[in-house]
Amino acid sequence: MKRRTIQVRLLSIVLPSLLAACKPAPAPQPGGMAGMPPPEVEVITVAPRSVPRSIEAPGRMQAVRTAIVTARVEGIVERRLYVEGSEVRAGEVLFRIDGRTLAANLDGARASLARSQAQALIAAQNQARMQALAGSKAISRQDLDQSVAARAQSDAEVAGAQAVLTRAEIDLSYARVTAPISGRIGRALVSEGALVGRNEATPLAHIEQYDPIWVNFSQSSAEFLRLRESRAGKAPLQLVLENGRVYPLSGKLLFNDLAVDPVTGSVGLRGEFPNPDRALLPGQFVTVRLPVAQALNAMVVPQRALQVSPQGQMLLLVGADGKVIPQPVKTGGLVGGDWIIDSGLKGGERVIVNGVQKARPGMIVKMVSGEWGAGSGKGSSTKPNR
């Protein structure tokens, strides 16, 4: 009897626990974790509109003019007279070479010229006397001809001595090495006390002029034809720097190559940009943005809304029931900071532009009004979901 009473008590304790364990667990709320509110995302409603269409091409900056400063005479570099990395003007003295030997050569050339001029004077006087004597037939015709030839030879020696003097003056002027062009000069390639110009022209420094500055890039022959047919060659160009920032000053298209490269099938192009602050440097890689046409009834979304995966490009939409819907799309180029969507959108879709990292397909989200980024066109925005 006592054992049965104990069994009844144990059943009264265990049975409710077993029944509770058999009850189904409550379904989690659709917002994410159980009991958590749906995540908040920013959305915009896309609508067709007309936008300028552009293409992008990688490019490289190039200085408009480049000069190598060289030593044209042999000597010891006495002093560097410029600050490395500074702006210099054409004709400004950059280096000074020891010119004592050159000055001595100049003095010798002057002395040689004076000697030749004295000999030419004697030859001229002798010729005059011979001509006077030849009139009275006191001398032979041969003596007269010799006096004429001696004067011509002395005049030639004077001309040769004058040329040597001019060369010596030029060599002495080369002892002051000047800038051939205006621009920014780099580091010195030789130090003070170095022997330069021995049997060859020694490079001393480089000067580059890059205000304005050129950008070289290329386009496929098909894109080049589209660019030419759209008459967009006179439209301003834009540069996108390596950090993604758009260069604030616009440029112009200068010219294109005369033929298509048979290896790459592309056409070489060159643009020119103002560079007053020297923000663009020769050799720098950039992206050139060219306007090609006006896209009519285009669907445009901000760059941050586009998702790229191995499966392709995709946008996250919000359906009428508030659930996230993945939508595959294809882009057709950039306009400002936005993507043109060639296929995948019809208009009226609500596209998530911020908070895509919190949204998952099939998840219910809370929508708030989204804003276009800087440089984008304005589209309609969605009102907060109450």
Protein backbone atom coordinates (compact mmCIF):
# COMPACT_ATOMS: atom_id res chain seq x y z
CA MET A 1 0.00 0.00 0.00
CA LYS A 2 2.85 2.33 0.88
CA ARG A 3 4.66 1.45 -2.40
CA ARG A 4 1.54 2.31 -4.44
CA THR A 5 1.23 5.66 -2.71
CA ILE A 6 4.86 6.51 -3.65
CA GLN A 7 4.25 5.54 -7.29
CA VAL A 8 1.20 7.79 -7.49
CA ARG A 9 3.18 10.73 -6.15
CA LEU A 10 6.00 10.20 -8.65
CA LEU A 11 3.54 10.08 -11.53
CA SER A 12 1.93 13.34 -10.36
CA ILE A 13 5.37 14.99 -10.50
CA VAL A 14 6.79 13.54 -13.76
CA LEU A 15 3.63 13.52 -15.90
CA PRO A 16 3.18 17.34 -16.11
CA SER A 17 6.85 17.73 -17.16
CA LEU A 18 6.46 15.16 -19.92
CA LEU A 19 3.30 16.85 -21.19
CA ALA A 20 5.03 20.22 -21.23
CA ALA A 21 7.96 18.79 -23.19
CA CYS A 22 5.63 17.43 -25.85
CA LYS A 23 4.07 20.87 -26.62
CA PRO A 24 5.32 22.44 -29.92
CA ALA A 25 7.73 25.42 -29.56
CA PRO A 26 6.30 28.83 -30.58
CA ALA A 27 7.25 29.87 -34.12
CA PRO A 28 9.90 32.64 -34.31
CA GLN A 29 8.75 36.00 -35.54
CA PRO A 30 9.61 36.67 -39.20
CA GLY A 31 11.83 39.68 -38.46
CA GLY A 32 14.88 37.59 -37.58
CA MET A 33 15.55 36.25 -34.09
CA ALA A 34 12.58 35.31 -31.97
CA GLY A 35 11.07 38.33 -30.25
CA MET A 36 13.28 40.82 -32.15
CA PRO A 37 11.74 43.64 -34.24
CA PRO A 38 12.34 43.57 -38.03
CA PRO A 39 15.55 45.34 -39.15
CA GLU A 40 15.29 48.86 -40.51
CA VAL A 41 16.43 49.53 -44.10
CA GLU A 42 16.42 52.57 -46.38
CA VAL A 43 14.62 52.16 -49.67
CA ILE A 44 13.94 54.26 -52.77
CA THR A 45 11.30 53.79 -55.42
CA VAL A 46 12.86 53.73 -58.89
CA ALA A 47 11.24 55.46 -61.83
CA PRO A 48 12.34 55.84 -65.46
CA ARG A 49 14.06 59.11 -66.38
CA SER A 50 16.48 60.56 -68.92
CA VAL A 51 20.14 60.69 -67.88
CA PRO A 52 23.44 61.40 -69.64
CA ARG A 53 25.18 58.12 -70.36
CA SER A 54 28.93 57.74 -69.94
CA ILE A 55 31.64 55.15 -70.35
CA GLU A 56 34.78 54.68 -68.27
CA ALA A 57 38.28 53.75 -69.33
CA PRO A 58 41.54 53.31 -67.40
CA GLY A 59 44.13 55.98 -68.15
CA ARG A 60 47.56 57.20 -67.16
CA MET A 61 48.72 60.76 -66.60
CA GLN A 62 51.57 62.23 -68.64
CA ALA A 63 53.44 65.53 -68.35
CA VAL A 64 52.89 67.96 -71.21
CA ARG A 65 56.63 68.66 -71.43
CA THR A 66 59.62 66.83 -69.97
CA ALA A 67 63.25 67.96 -70.05
CA ILE A 68 66.50 66.41 -68.84
CA VAL A 69 68.97 68.98 -67.51
CA THR A 70 72.46 67.95 -68.67
CA ALA A 71 76.04 69.17 -68.28
CA ARG A 72 77.34 70.22 -71.72
CA VAL A 73 80.93 70.91 -70.68
CA GLU A 74 83.45 69.05 -68.57
CA GLY A 75 84.05 70.31 -65.05
CA ILE A 76 83.44 69.98 -61.32
CA VAL A 77 79.98 70.82 -59.98
CA GLU A 78 80.58 73.68 -57.55
CA ARG A 79 77.04 74.29 -56.29
CA ARG A 80 73.39 73.33 -56.71
CA LEU A 81 71.31 76.53 -56.81
CA TYR A 82 67.72 75.23 -56.64
CA VAL A 83 65.49 73.53 -54.08
CA GLU A 84 64.61 69.96 -55.02
CA GLY A 85 60.92 69.51 -55.80
CA SER A 86 60.34 73.24 -56.38
CA GLU A 87 58.99 75.17 -59.35
CA VAL A 88 61.63 76.64 -61.68
CA ARG A 89 61.40 78.98 -64.65
CA ALA A 90 63.02 78.61 -68.05
CA GLY A 91 66.49 80.20 -67.97
CA GLU A 92 66.88 79.95 -64.19
CA VAL A 93 70.39 78.88 -63.09
CA LEU A 94 70.27 75.41 -61.50
CA PHE A 95 73.95 74.35 -61.19
CA ARG A 96 77.29 76.10 -61.36
CA ILE A 97 80.30 74.25 -62.82
CA ASP A 98 83.90 75.31 -62.21
CA GLY A 99 84.64 77.54 -65.22
CA ARG A 100 88.27 78.52 -64.69
CA THR A 101 89.56 76.22 -67.43
CA LEU A 102 86.83 77.44 -69.75
CA ALA A 103 87.71 81.06 -69.00
CA ALA A 104 91.37 80.35 -69.84
CA ASN A 105 90.31 78.78 -73.13
CA LEU A 106 88.31 81.91 -73.88
CA ASP A 107 91.33 84.15 -73.22
CA GLY A 108 93.46 81.96 -75.54
CA ALA A 109 90.82 82.20 -78.27
CA ARG A 110 90.78 85.99 -77.99
CA ALA A 111 94.57 86.10 -78.30
CA SER A 112 94.49 83.86 -81.37
CA LEU A 113 91.88 86.11 -82.95
CA ALA A 114 94.01 89.20 -82.31
CA ARG A 115 97.05 87.53 -83.88
CA SER A 116 95.09 86.49 -86.93
CA GLN A 117 93.68 90.00 -87.31
CA ALA A 118 97.21 91.47 -87.18
CA GLN A 119 98.43 89.08 -89.85
CA ALA A 120 95.41 89.92 -91.98
CA LEU A 121 96.24 93.63 -91.67
CA ILE A 122 99.81 93.01 -92.90
CA ALA A 123 98.50 90.89 -95.77
CA ALA A 124 96.10 93.66 -96.79
CA GLN A 125 98.84 96.31 -96.79
CA ASN A 126 101.16 94.04 -98.78
CA GLN A 127 98.46 93.45 -101.36
CA ALA A 128 97.89 97.21 -101.73
CA ARG A 129 101.60 97.82 -102.40
CA MET A 130 101.75 94.98 -104.90
CA GLN A 131 98.82 96.40 -106.82
CA ALA A 132 100.53 99.80 -106.99
CA LEU A 133 103.74 98.27 -108.31
CA ALA A 134 101.88 96.06 -110.76
CA GLY A 135 100.45 99.21 -112.40
CA SER A 136 103.95 100.34 -113.37
CA LYS A 137 104.94 96.78 -114.22
CA ALA A 138 107.63 96.82 -111.52
CA ILE A 139 106.62 93.34 -110.35
CA SER A 140 105.47 90.23 -112.09
CA ARG A 141 101.89 89.05 -112.29
CA GLN A 142 102.85 86.07 -110.12
CA ASP A 143 103.91 88.30 -107.23
CA LEU A 144 100.57 90.10 -107.36
CA ASP A 145 98.63 86.84 -107.34
CA GLN A 146 100.59 85.62 -104.33
CA SER A 147 99.78 88.78 -102.36
CA VAL A 148 96.06 88.37 -103.15
CA ALA A 149 96.14 84.74 -102.01
CA ALA A 150 98.04 85.64 -98.83
CA ARG A 151 95.38 88.19 -97.91
CA ALA A 152 92.57 85.69 -98.56
CA GLN A 153 94.34 83.13 -96.38
CA SER A 154 94.77 85.64 -93.55
CA ASP A 155 91.06 86.59 -93.78
CA ALA A 156 90.15 82.90 -93.48
CA GLU A 157 92.36 82.54 -90.41
CA VAL A 158 90.55 85.50 -88.85
CA ALA A 159 87.19 83.82 -89.49
CA GLY A 160 88.47 80.56 -87.98
CA ALA A 161 89.80 82.35 -84.90
CA GLN A 162 86.45 84.13 -84.53
CA ALA A 163 84.63 80.79 -84.60
CA VAL A 164 86.96 79.38 -81.92
CA LEU A 165 86.29 82.47 -79.78
CA THR A 166 82.52 82.05 -80.20
CA ARG A 167 82.77 78.38 -79.20
CA ALA A 168 84.85 79.29 -76.13
CA GLU A 169 82.25 81.89 -75.10
CA ILE A 170 79.46 79.30 -75.45
CA ASP A 171 81.40 76.74 -73.42
CA LEU A 172 81.95 79.26 -70.64
CA SER A 173 78.22 80.06 -70.61
CA TYR A 174 77.51 76.33 -70.14
CA ALA A 175 79.28 76.52 -66.78
CA ARG A 176 76.00 78.06 -65.57
CA VAL A 177 73.49 75.23 -66.14
CA THR A 178 70.03 76.72 -66.71
CA ALA A 179 66.51 75.28 -66.89
CA PRO A 180 65.43 74.58 -70.50
CA ILE A 181 61.71 74.76 -69.63
CA SER A 182 59.50 75.93 -66.77
CA GLY A 183 58.08 73.29 -64.48
CA ARG A 184 58.69 71.26 -61.33
CA ILE A 185 62.22 69.94 -60.89
CA GLY A 186 63.07 66.70 -59.14
CA ARG A 187 66.01 65.61 -57.06
CA ALA A 188 69.58 66.27 -58.17
CA LEU A 189 71.17 63.30 -59.95
CA VAL A 190 74.72 64.39 -59.03
CA SER A 191 76.22 65.85 -55.89
CA GLU A 192 78.40 68.90 -55.48
CA GLY A 193 82.04 68.08 -56.25
CA ALA A 194 81.20 65.50 -58.93
CA LEU A 195 83.02 65.53 -62.26
CA VAL A 196 80.49 65.89 -65.08
CA GLY A 197 80.53 66.18 -68.85
CA ARG A 198 83.59 64.01 -69.42
CA ASN A 199 83.24 62.74 -73.00
CA GLU A 200 79.41 62.73 -72.68
CA ALA A 201 76.46 64.83 -71.52
CA THR A 202 75.83 64.02 -67.85
CA PRO A 203 72.15 64.14 -66.66
CA LEU A 204 71.82 66.47 -63.66
CA ALA A 205 68.05 66.65 -62.99
CA HIS A 206 64.59 66.19 -64.56
CA ILE A 207 61.99 68.92 -65.09
CA GLU A 208 58.34 68.11 -65.82
CA GLN A 209 55.67 70.56 -66.83
CA TYR A 210 52.23 69.27 -65.81
CA ASP A 211 49.90 72.23 -65.63
CA PRO A 212 47.97 71.44 -67.71
CA ILE A 213 48.50 67.68 -67.74
CA TRP A 214 47.63 64.97 -70.26
CA VAL A 215 45.84 61.68 -69.72
CA ASN A 216 46.32 58.82 -72.21
CA PHE A 217 43.67 56.11 -72.51
CA SER A 218 42.08 53.88 -75.13
CA GLN A 219 38.67 52.71 -76.22
CA SER A 220 37.49 49.79 -78.30
CA SER A 221 36.74 50.62 -81.90
CA ALA A 222 33.01 50.06 -81.25
CA GLU A 223 32.95 52.48 -78.32
CA PHE A 224 35.00 54.97 -80.32
CA LEU A 225 32.43 54.87 -83.13
CA ARG A 226 29.64 55.43 -80.62
CA LEU A 227 31.57 58.34 -79.15
CA ARG A 228 32.10 59.92 -82.56
CA GLU A 229 28.53 59.36 -83.75
CA SER A 230 27.12 60.88 -80.56
CA ARG A 231 29.27 63.98 -81.14
CA ALA A 232 30.25 63.84 -77.48
CA GLY A 233 33.91 64.56 -78.26
CA LYS A 234 33.43 68.20 -77.22
CA ALA A 235 31.76 67.30 -73.93
CA PRO A 236 33.88 67.74 -70.78
CA LEU A 237 35.79 64.75 -69.42
CA GLN A 238 35.95 63.65 -65.79
CA LEU A 239 38.66 61.88 -63.83
CA VAL A 240 38.11 59.37 -61.03
CA LEU A 241 41.21 59.05 -58.85
CA GLU A 242 42.56 55.83 -57.38
CA ASN A 243 40.84 56.54 -54.03
CA GLY A 244 37.45 56.80 -55.76
CA ARG A 245 37.26 60.60 -55.49
CA VAL A 246 36.18 62.56 -58.56
CA TYR A 247 38.71 65.18 -59.65
CA PRO A 248 36.94 68.56 -59.25
CA LEU A 249 38.11 70.10 -62.56
CA SER A 250 36.85 68.90 -65.93
CA GLY A 251 39.02 68.32 -68.99
CA LYS A 252 38.72 68.16 -72.76
CA LEU A 253 39.44 65.57 -75.43
CA LEU A 254 42.46 66.55 -77.53
CA PHE A 255 42.79 63.93 -80.27
CA ASN A 256 42.69 60.25 -81.16
CA ASP A 257 45.12 58.01 -82.99
CA LEU A 258 44.85 57.75 -86.76
CA ALA A 259 44.37 53.97 -86.80
CA VAL A 260 43.00 51.08 -84.73
CA ASP A 261 45.62 49.00 -82.95
CA PRO A 262 45.53 45.63 -84.80
CA VAL A 263 46.58 43.73 -81.64
CA THR A 264 44.09 45.15 -79.12
CA GLY A 265 41.40 46.48 -81.48
CA SER A 266 41.38 49.79 -79.60
CA VAL A 267 41.87 53.45 -80.46
CA GLY A 268 44.27 55.61 -78.45
CA LEU A 269 42.84 58.85 -77.03
CA ARG A 270 44.30 61.79 -75.13
CA GLY A 271 42.65 64.31 -72.84
CA GLU A 272 43.91 67.45 -71.13
CA PHE A 273 43.09 68.63 -67.60
CA PRO A 274 44.03 71.77 -65.69
CA ASN A 275 46.30 71.01 -62.74
CA PRO A 276 46.87 74.24 -60.79
CA ASP A 277 47.40 72.52 -57.42
CA ARG A 278 49.61 69.77 -58.89
CA ALA A 279 47.19 67.18 -57.48
CA LEU A 280 47.67 65.05 -60.61
CA LEU A 281 51.13 63.54 -61.11
CA PRO A 282 52.74 62.08 -64.24
CA GLY A 283 52.52 58.29 -64.26
CA GLN A 284 49.44 58.24 -61.99
CA PHE A 285 46.67 55.76 -62.89
CA VAL A 286 43.14 57.18 -63.12
CA THR A 287 39.75 56.36 -64.60
CA VAL A 288 38.52 58.60 -67.41
CA ARG A 289 34.78 59.14 -67.64
CA LEU A 290 33.41 60.13 -71.07
CA PRO A 291 29.84 61.16 -71.83
CA VAL A 292 28.57 59.30 -74.91
CA ALA A 293 24.81 59.80 -75.20
CA GLN A 294 21.51 60.60 -73.46
CA ALA A 295 19.80 57.51 -72.06
CA LEU A 296 15.99 57.82 -72.26
CA ASN A 297 13.65 56.14 -69.75
CA ALA A 298 16.59 54.71 -67.83
CA MET A 299 16.37 53.02 -64.44
CA VAL A 300 19.06 54.40 -62.12
CA VAL A 301 20.10 53.20 -58.65
CA PRO A 302 22.93 54.31 -56.33
CA GLN A 303 26.16 52.33 -56.51
CA ARG A 304 25.82 51.19 -52.90
CA ALA A 305 22.57 49.39 -53.71
CA LEU A 306 24.15 46.99 -56.21
CA GLN A 307 25.34 43.62 -54.93
CA VAL A 308 27.92 41.65 -56.93
CA SER A 309 28.45 37.92 -56.43
CA PRO A 310 29.79 34.98 -58.49
CA GLN A 311 26.20 34.48 -59.67
CA GLY A 312 26.04 38.03 -61.10
CA GLN A 313 24.67 41.45 -60.17
CA MET A 314 21.67 41.74 -57.88
CA LEU A 315 19.45 44.25 -56.08
CA LEU A 316 17.42 43.66 -52.94
CA LEU A 317 13.79 44.76 -53.28
CA VAL A 318 11.00 45.02 -50.71
CA GLY A 319 7.72 43.44 -51.77
CA ALA A 320 4.18 44.50 -50.95
CA ASP A 321 4.21 42.18 -47.92
CA GLY A 322 7.37 43.82 -46.54
CA LYS A 323 9.61 40.85 -47.37
CA VAL A 324 13.02 41.10 -49.03
CA ILE A 325 13.16 39.87 -52.64
CA PRO A 326 16.46 39.34 -54.53
CA GLN A 327 16.32 40.69 -58.07
CA PRO A 328 19.03 39.84 -60.69
CA VAL A 329 19.90 42.85 -62.88
CA LYS A 330 22.33 43.92 -65.60
CA THR A 331 24.03 47.29 -65.55
CA GLY A 332 24.70 49.52 -68.53
CA GLY A 333 27.28 52.00 -67.29
CA LEU A 334 27.58 54.81 -64.79
CA VAL A 335 26.01 58.23 -64.63
CA GLY A 336 27.62 60.34 -61.94
CA GLY A 337 27.73 58.06 -58.91
CA ASP A 338 24.84 55.82 -59.97
CA TRP A 339 24.38 52.66 -62.03
CA ILE A 340 22.12 52.55 -65.07
CA ILE A 341 20.09 49.31 -64.94
CA ASP A 342 19.59 47.90 -68.44
CA SER A 343 17.44 44.93 -67.39
CA GLY A 344 15.76 43.63 -64.24
CA LEU A 345 13.65 46.67 -63.28
CA LYS A 346 10.40 48.01 -64.77
CA GLY A 347 9.77 50.97 -62.50
CA GLY A 348 7.98 51.32 -59.20
CA GLU A 349 10.17 48.76 -57.36
CA ARG A 350 11.33 49.58 -53.85
CA VAL A 351 15.11 49.09 -53.79
CA ILE A 352 17.11 48.81 -50.57
CA VAL A 353 19.97 51.35 -50.66
CA ASN A 354 21.15 51.21 -47.04
CA GLY A 355 21.03 48.29 -44.64
CA VAL A 356 21.55 45.59 -47.27
CA GLN A 357 23.91 43.79 -44.88
CA LYS A 358 21.03 43.33 -42.42
CA ALA A 359 18.48 42.18 -45.02
CA ARG A 360 18.09 38.55 -46.13
CA PRO A 361 15.79 37.14 -48.81
CA GLY A 362 12.38 36.33 -47.31
CA MET A 363 12.96 38.48 -44.21
CA ILE A 364 10.42 41.09 -43.18
CA VAL A 365 12.01 44.55 -42.87
CA LYS A 366 10.94 47.99 -41.77
CA MET A 367 11.26 50.57 -44.54
CA VAL A 368 12.36 54.19 -44.13
CA SER A 369 12.92 56.85 -46.75
CA GLY A 370 16.28 56.64 -48.56
CA GLU A 371 18.29 59.49 -50.05
CA TRP A 372 20.32 59.67 -53.26
CA GLY A 373 24.05 60.02 -52.78
CA ALA A 374 26.06 63.08 -53.71
CA GLY A 375 26.29 63.53 -57.43
CA SER A 376 23.25 61.37 -58.18
CA GLY A 377 20.09 62.36 -59.83
CA LYS A 378 16.95 62.70 -57.75
CA GLY A 379 14.39 59.93 -57.76
CA SER A 380 11.21 59.32 -55.80
CA SER A 381 11.61 58.15 -52.23
CA THR A 382 9.46 55.83 -50.23
CA LYS A 383 7.51 57.09 -47.23
CA PRO A 384 8.16 55.41 -43.87
CA ASN A 385 6.25 52.20 -43.39
CA ARG A 386 3.86 52.71 -40.50
